[in-house]
Amino acid sequence: SREIKDISNDSRISERYLEAIEAGEIKVFPSTVYYNLFARAYCKELGVNPDKLFVFSTEESLEL
């Protein structure tokens, strides 16, 4: 229910990267390290367990 703009301000992660996380566009990030760090911070900001996201993203990365 929060706006991307507000989450971006609170987390200090650009809206572009938050939108890429939402869309599952891992290739937008300079490296998977950035994706992992930003996605974890985003999950924490939303109160979501980041470990659930990382099971999915790791499997997806292997397919790229």
PDB file of N, CA and C in Angstrom:
ATOM      1  N   SER A   1       0.811  -1.194   0.000  1.00  0.00           N
ATOM      2  CA  SER A   1       0.000   0.000   0.000  1.00  0.00           C
ATOM      3  C   SER A   1       0.863   1.271   0.000  1.00  0.00           C
ATOM      4  N   ARG A   2       2.177   1.102   0.048  1.00  0.00           N
ATOM      5  CA  ARG A   2       3.072   2.262   0.018  1.00  0.00           C
ATOM      6  C   ARG A   2       3.489   2.563  -1.407  1.00  0.00           C
ATOM      7  N   GLU A   3       3.792   3.802  -1.651  1.00  0.00           N
ATOM      8  CA  GLU A   3       4.251   4.229  -2.966  1.00  0.00           C
ATOM      9  C   GLU A   3       5.743   3.938  -3.131  1.00  0.00           C
ATOM     10  N   ILE A   4       6.138   3.591  -4.350  1.00  0.00           N
ATOM     11  CA  ILE A   4       7.550   3.332  -4.657  1.00  0.00           C
ATOM     12  C   ILE A   4       8.402   4.546  -4.277  1.00  0.00           C
ATOM     13  N   LYS A   5       7.888   5.728  -4.551  1.00  0.00           N
ATOM     14  CA  LYS A   5       8.609   6.969  -4.257  1.00  0.00           C
ATOM     15  C   LYS A   5       8.946   7.067  -2.764  1.00  0.00           C
ATOM     16  N   ASP A   6       7.985   6.739  -1.917  1.00  0.00           N
ATOM     17  CA  ASP A   6       8.200   6.790  -0.469  1.00  0.00           C
ATOM     18  C   ASP A   6       9.193   5.733  -0.007  1.00  0.00           C
ATOM     19  N   ILE A   7       9.067   4.547  -0.556  1.00  0.00           N
ATOM     20  CA  ILE A   7       9.991   3.465  -0.207  1.00  0.00           C
ATOM     21  C   ILE A   7      11.399   3.828  -0.664  1.00  0.00           C
ATOM     22  N   SER A   8      11.501   4.427  -1.841  1.00  0.00           N
ATOM     23  CA  SER A   8      12.797   4.866  -2.356  1.00  0.00           C
ATOM     24  C   SER A   8      13.444   5.875  -1.417  1.00  0.00           C
ATOM     25  N   ASN A   9      12.671   6.830  -0.956  1.00  0.00           N
ATOM     26  CA  ASN A   9      13.195   7.830  -0.021  1.00  0.00           C
ATOM     27  C   ASN A   9      13.630   7.196   1.298  1.00  0.00           C
ATOM     28  N   ASP A  10      12.814   6.283   1.821  1.00  0.00           N
ATOM     29  CA  ASP A  10      13.119   5.654   3.106  1.00  0.00           C
ATOM     30  C   ASP A  10      14.311   4.704   3.021  1.00  0.00           C
ATOM     31  N   SER A  11      14.412   3.977   1.915  1.00  0.00           N
ATOM     32  CA  SER A  11      15.467   2.962   1.783  1.00  0.00           C
ATOM     33  C   SER A  11      16.723   3.495   1.101  1.00  0.00           C
ATOM     34  N   ARG A  12      16.592   4.655   0.461  1.00  0.00           N
ATOM     35  CA  ARG A  12      17.691   5.255  -0.311  1.00  0.00           C
ATOM     36  C   ARG A  12      18.108   4.405  -1.514  1.00  0.00           C
ATOM     37  N   ILE A  13      17.133   3.684  -2.056  1.00  0.00           N
ATOM     38  CA  ILE A  13      17.335   2.899  -3.272  1.00  0.00           C
ATOM     39  C   ILE A  13      16.521   3.590  -4.367  1.00  0.00           C
ATOM     40  N   SER A  14      17.122   3.790  -5.527  1.00  0.00           N
ATOM     41  CA  SER A  14      16.427   4.521  -6.583  1.00  0.00           C
ATOM     42  C   SER A  14      15.150   3.800  -7.008  1.00  0.00           C
ATOM     43  N   GLU A  15      14.194   4.596  -7.428  1.00  0.00           N
ATOM     44  CA  GLU A  15      12.924   4.041  -7.895  1.00  0.00           C
ATOM     45  C   GLU A  15      13.144   3.068  -9.048  1.00  0.00           C
ATOM     46  N   ARG A  16      14.103   3.366  -9.893  1.00  0.00           N
ATOM     47  CA  ARG A  16      14.415   2.503 -11.046  1.00  0.00           C
ATOM     48  C   ARG A  16      14.745   1.088 -10.575  1.00  0.00           C
ATOM     49  N   TYR A  17      15.569   0.978  -9.550  1.00  0.00           N
ATOM     50  CA  TYR A  17      15.951  -0.338  -9.055  1.00  0.00           C
ATOM     51  C   TYR A  17      14.802  -1.024  -8.319  1.00  0.00           C
ATOM     52  N   LEU A  18      14.011  -0.272  -7.588  1.00  0.00           N
ATOM     53  CA  LEU A  18      12.863  -0.871  -6.907  1.00  0.00           C
ATOM     54  C   LEU A  18      11.864  -1.416  -7.928  1.00  0.00           C
ATOM     55  N   GLU A  19      11.645  -0.667  -8.983  1.00  0.00           N
ATOM     56  CA  GLU A  19      10.747  -1.137 -10.040  1.00  0.00           C
ATOM     57  C   GLU A  19      11.311  -2.368 -10.740  1.00  0.00           C
ATOM     58  N   ALA A  20      12.624  -2.419 -10.906  1.00  0.00           N
ATOM     59  CA  ALA A  20      13.256  -3.593 -11.519  1.00  0.00           C
ATOM     60  C   ALA A  20      13.101  -4.826 -10.628  1.00  0.00           C
ATOM     61  N   ILE A  21      13.221  -4.631  -9.324  1.00  0.00           N
ATOM     62  CA  ILE A  21      13.008  -5.751  -8.395  1.00  0.00           C
ATOM     63  C   ILE A  21      11.577  -6.248  -8.523  1.00  0.00           C
ATOM     64  N   GLU A  22      10.617  -5.332  -8.530  1.00  0.00           N
ATOM     65  CA  GLU A  22       9.197  -5.694  -8.665  1.00  0.00           C
ATOM     66  C   GLU A  22       8.941  -6.471  -9.951  1.00  0.00           C
ATOM     67  N   ALA A  23       9.600  -6.069 -11.020  1.00  0.00           N
ATOM     68  CA  ALA A  23       9.382  -6.697 -12.329  1.00  0.00           C
ATOM     69  C   ALA A  23      10.247  -7.944 -12.545  1.00  0.00           C
ATOM     70  N   GLY A  24      11.161  -8.215 -11.603  1.00  0.00           N
ATOM     71  CA  GLY A  24      12.040  -9.364 -11.750  1.00  0.00           C
ATOM     72  C   GLY A  24      13.114  -9.176 -12.804  1.00  0.00           C
ATOM     73  N   GLU A  25      13.482  -7.933 -13.048  1.00  0.00           N
ATOM     74  CA  GLU A  25      14.485  -7.612 -14.072  1.00  0.00           C
ATOM     75  C   GLU A  25      15.874  -7.518 -13.450  1.00  0.00           C
ATOM     76  N   ILE A  26      16.467  -8.648 -13.210  1.00  0.00           N
ATOM     77  CA  ILE A  26      17.771  -8.715 -12.553  1.00  0.00           C
ATOM     78  C   ILE A  26      18.862  -8.096 -13.423  1.00  0.00           C
ATOM     79  N   LYS A  27      18.707  -8.171 -14.727  1.00  0.00           N
ATOM     80  CA  LYS A  27      19.739  -7.669 -15.644  1.00  0.00           C
ATOM     81  C   LYS A  27      19.909  -6.148 -15.589  1.00  0.00           C
ATOM     82  N   VAL A  28      18.978  -5.428 -14.974  1.00  0.00           N
ATOM     83  CA  VAL A  28      19.059  -3.972 -14.848  1.00  0.00           C
ATOM     84  C   VAL A  28      20.211  -3.567 -13.911  1.00  0.00           C
ATOM     85  N   PHE A  29      20.558  -4.448 -12.998  1.00  0.00           N
ATOM     86  CA  PHE A  29      21.559  -4.138 -11.977  1.00  0.00           C
ATOM     87  C   PHE A  29      22.977  -4.349 -12.509  1.00  0.00           C
ATOM     88  N   PRO A  30      23.929  -3.550 -12.013  1.00  0.00           N
ATOM     89  CA  PRO A  30      25.316  -3.683 -12.464  1.00  0.00           C
ATOM     90  C   PRO A  30      25.893  -5.073 -12.191  1.00  0.00           C
ATOM     91  N   SER A  31      25.417  -5.705 -11.126  1.00  0.00           N
ATOM     92  CA  SER A  31      25.841  -7.069 -10.798  1.00  0.00           C
ATOM     93  C   SER A  31      24.791  -7.698  -9.897  1.00  0.00           C
ATOM     94  N   THR A  32      24.872  -9.003  -9.733  1.00  0.00           N
ATOM     95  CA  THR A  32      23.919  -9.677  -8.852  1.00  0.00           C
ATOM     96  C   THR A  32      24.133  -9.280  -7.397  1.00  0.00           C
ATOM     97  N   VAL A  33      25.326  -8.824  -7.062  1.00  0.00           N
ATOM     98  CA  VAL A  33      25.588  -8.350  -5.700  1.00  0.00           C
ATOM     99  C   VAL A  33      24.680  -7.162  -5.381  1.00  0.00           C
ATOM    100  N   TYR A  34      24.586  -6.215  -6.308  1.00  0.00           N
ATOM    101  CA  TYR A  34      23.705  -5.061  -6.107  1.00  0.00           C
ATOM    102  C   TYR A  34      22.249  -5.504  -6.009  1.00  0.00           C
ATOM    103  N   TYR A  35      21.863  -6.405  -6.886  1.00  0.00           N
ATOM    104  CA  TYR A  35      20.487  -6.905  -6.833  1.00  0.00           C
ATOM    105  C   TYR A  35      20.199  -7.516  -5.470  1.00  0.00           C
ATOM    106  N   ASN A  36      21.085  -8.377  -5.005  1.00  0.00           N
ATOM    107  CA  ASN A  36      20.874  -9.038  -3.720  1.00  0.00           C
ATOM    108  C   ASN A  36      20.786  -8.043  -2.567  1.00  0.00           C
ATOM    109  N   LEU A  37      21.678  -7.064  -2.543  1.00  0.00           N
ATOM    110  CA  LEU A  37      21.666  -6.068  -1.469  1.00  0.00           C
ATOM    111  C   LEU A  37      20.397  -5.220  -1.509  1.00  0.00           C
ATOM    112  N   PHE A  38      20.049  -4.732  -2.686  1.00  0.00           N
ATOM    113  CA  PHE A  38      18.872  -3.883  -2.808  1.00  0.00           C
ATOM    114  C   PHE A  38      17.581  -4.667  -2.554  1.00  0.00           C
ATOM    115  N   ALA A  39      17.509  -5.873  -3.061  1.00  0.00           N
ATOM    116  CA  ALA A  39      16.306  -6.677  -2.862  1.00  0.00           C
ATOM    117  C   ALA A  39      16.115  -7.014  -1.391  1.00  0.00           C
ATOM    118  N   ARG A  40      17.197  -7.328  -0.697  1.00  0.00           N
ATOM    119  CA  ARG A  40      17.112  -7.586   0.748  1.00  0.00           C
ATOM    120  C   ARG A  40      16.625  -6.357   1.505  1.00  0.00           C
ATOM    121  N   ALA A  41      17.184  -5.203   1.180  1.00  0.00           N
ATOM    122  CA  ALA A  41      16.777  -3.956   1.834  1.00  0.00           C
ATOM    123  C   ALA A  41      15.311  -3.643   1.531  1.00  0.00           C
ATOM    124  N   TYR A  42      14.899  -3.901   0.310  1.00  0.00           N
ATOM    125  CA  TYR A  42      13.521  -3.658  -0.093  1.00  0.00           C
ATOM    126  C   TYR A  42      12.574  -4.564   0.685  1.00  0.00           C
ATOM    127  N   CYS A  43      12.922  -5.821   0.795  1.00  0.00           N
ATOM    128  CA  CYS A  43      12.103  -6.758   1.567  1.00  0.00           C
ATOM    129  C   CYS A  43      11.974  -6.303   3.019  1.00  0.00           C
ATOM    130  N   LYS A  44      13.076  -5.940   3.606  1.00  0.00           N
ATOM    131  CA  LYS A  44      13.045  -5.491   5.003  1.00  0.00           C
ATOM    132  C   LYS A  44      12.173  -4.255   5.162  1.00  0.00           C
ATOM    133  N   GLU A  45      12.253  -3.347   4.199  1.00  0.00           N
ATOM    134  CA  GLU A  45      11.438  -2.124   4.234  1.00  0.00           C
ATOM    135  C   GLU A  45       9.944  -2.458   4.183  1.00  0.00           C
ATOM    136  N   LEU A  46       9.605  -3.525   3.444  1.00  0.00           N
ATOM    137  CA  LEU A  46       8.209  -3.941   3.306  1.00  0.00           C
ATOM    138  C   LEU A  46       7.769  -4.931   4.380  1.00  0.00           C
ATOM    139  N   GLY A  47       8.715  -5.384   5.209  1.00  0.00           N
ATOM    140  CA  GLY A  47       8.372  -6.355   6.243  1.00  0.00           C
ATOM    141  C   GLY A  47       8.213  -7.763   5.713  1.00  0.00           C
ATOM    142  N   VAL A  48       8.900  -8.062   4.611  1.00  0.00           N
ATOM    143  CA  VAL A  48       8.839  -9.385   3.976  1.00  0.00           C
ATOM    144  C   VAL A  48      10.135 -10.124   4.273  1.00  0.00           C
ATOM    145  N   ASN A  49      10.040 -11.424   4.467  1.00  0.00           N
ATOM    146  CA  ASN A  49      11.219 -12.245   4.717  1.00  0.00           C
ATOM    147  C   ASN A  49      12.051 -12.335   3.425  1.00  0.00           C
ATOM    148  N   PRO A  50      13.258 -11.751   3.412  1.00  0.00           N
ATOM    149  CA  PRO A  50      14.060 -11.762   2.188  1.00  0.00           C
ATOM    150  C   PRO A  50      14.513 -13.155   1.763  1.00  0.00           C
ATOM    151  N   ASP A  51      14.564 -14.103   2.680  1.00  0.00           N
ATOM    152  CA  ASP A  51      15.010 -15.447   2.319  1.00  0.00           C
ATOM    153  C   ASP A  51      14.073 -16.101   1.303  1.00  0.00           C
ATOM    154  N   LYS A  52      12.785 -15.786   1.356  1.00  0.00           N
ATOM    155  CA  LYS A  52      11.839 -16.337   0.370  1.00  0.00           C
ATOM    156  C   LYS A  52      12.133 -15.783  -1.019  1.00  0.00           C
ATOM    157  N   LEU A  53      12.483 -14.527  -1.102  1.00  0.00           N
ATOM    158  CA  LEU A  53      12.820 -13.918  -2.385  1.00  0.00           C
ATOM    159  C   LEU A  53      14.091 -14.522  -2.950  1.00  0.00           C
ATOM    160  N   PHE A  54      15.061 -14.776  -2.113  1.00  0.00           N
ATOM    161  CA  PHE A  54      16.352 -15.238  -2.603  1.00  0.00           C
ATOM    162  C   PHE A  54      16.332 -16.681  -3.085  1.00  0.00           C
ATOM    163  N   VAL A  55      15.442 -17.480  -2.598  1.00  0.00           N
ATOM    164  CA  VAL A  55      15.297 -18.824  -3.152  1.00  0.00           C
ATOM    165  C   VAL A  55      14.845 -18.694  -4.595  1.00  0.00           C
ATOM    166  N   PHE A  56      13.879 -17.832  -4.845  1.00  0.00           N
ATOM    167  CA  PHE A  56      13.367 -17.609  -6.200  1.00  0.00           C
ATOM    168  C   PHE A  56      14.416 -16.970  -7.094  1.00  0.00           C
ATOM    169  N   SER A  57      15.053 -15.916  -6.624  1.00  0.00           N
ATOM    170  CA  SER A  57      15.977 -15.189  -7.486  1.00  0.00           C
ATOM    171  C   SER A  57      17.224 -16.004  -7.806  1.00  0.00           C
ATOM    172  N   THR A  58      17.669 -16.834  -6.898  1.00  0.00           N
ATOM    173  CA  THR A  58      18.828 -17.677  -7.166  1.00  0.00           C
ATOM    174  C   THR A  58      18.509 -18.685  -8.252  1.00  0.00           C
ATOM    175  N   GLU A  59      17.341 -19.287  -8.167  1.00  0.00           N
ATOM    176  CA  GLU A  59      16.939 -20.247  -9.187  1.00  0.00           C
ATOM    177  C   GLU A  59      16.795 -19.560 -10.530  1.00  0.00           C
ATOM    178  N   GLU A  60      16.233 -18.357 -10.551  1.00  0.00           N
ATOM    179  CA  GLU A  60      16.058 -17.619 -11.794  1.00  0.00           C
ATOM    180  C   GLU A  60      17.410 -17.226 -12.385  1.00  0.00           C
ATOM    181  N   SER A  61      18.359 -16.822 -11.542  1.00  0.00           N
ATOM    182  CA  SER A  61      19.671 -16.428 -12.012  1.00  0.00           C
ATOM    183  C   SER A  61      20.383 -17.582 -12.697  1.00  0.00           C
ATOM    184  N   LEU A  62      20.166 -18.782 -12.217  1.00  0.00           N
ATOM    185  CA  LEU A  62      20.806 -19.938 -12.806  1.00  0.00           C
ATOM    186  C   LEU A  62      20.308 -20.194 -14.218  1.00  0.00           C
ATOM    187  N   GLU A  63      19.078 -19.745 -14.504  1.00  0.00           N
ATOM    188  CA  GLU A  63      18.501 -19.949 -15.827  1.00  0.00           C
ATOM    189  C   GLU A  63      18.977 -18.903 -16.828  1.00  0.00           C
ATOM    190  N   LEU A  64      19.538 -17.775 -16.360  1.00  0.00           N
ATOM    191  CA  LEU A  64      19.956 -16.698 -17.257  1.00  0.00           C
ATOM    192  C   LEU A  64      21.159 -17.082 -17.985  1.00  0.00           C
TER     193      LEU A  64
END
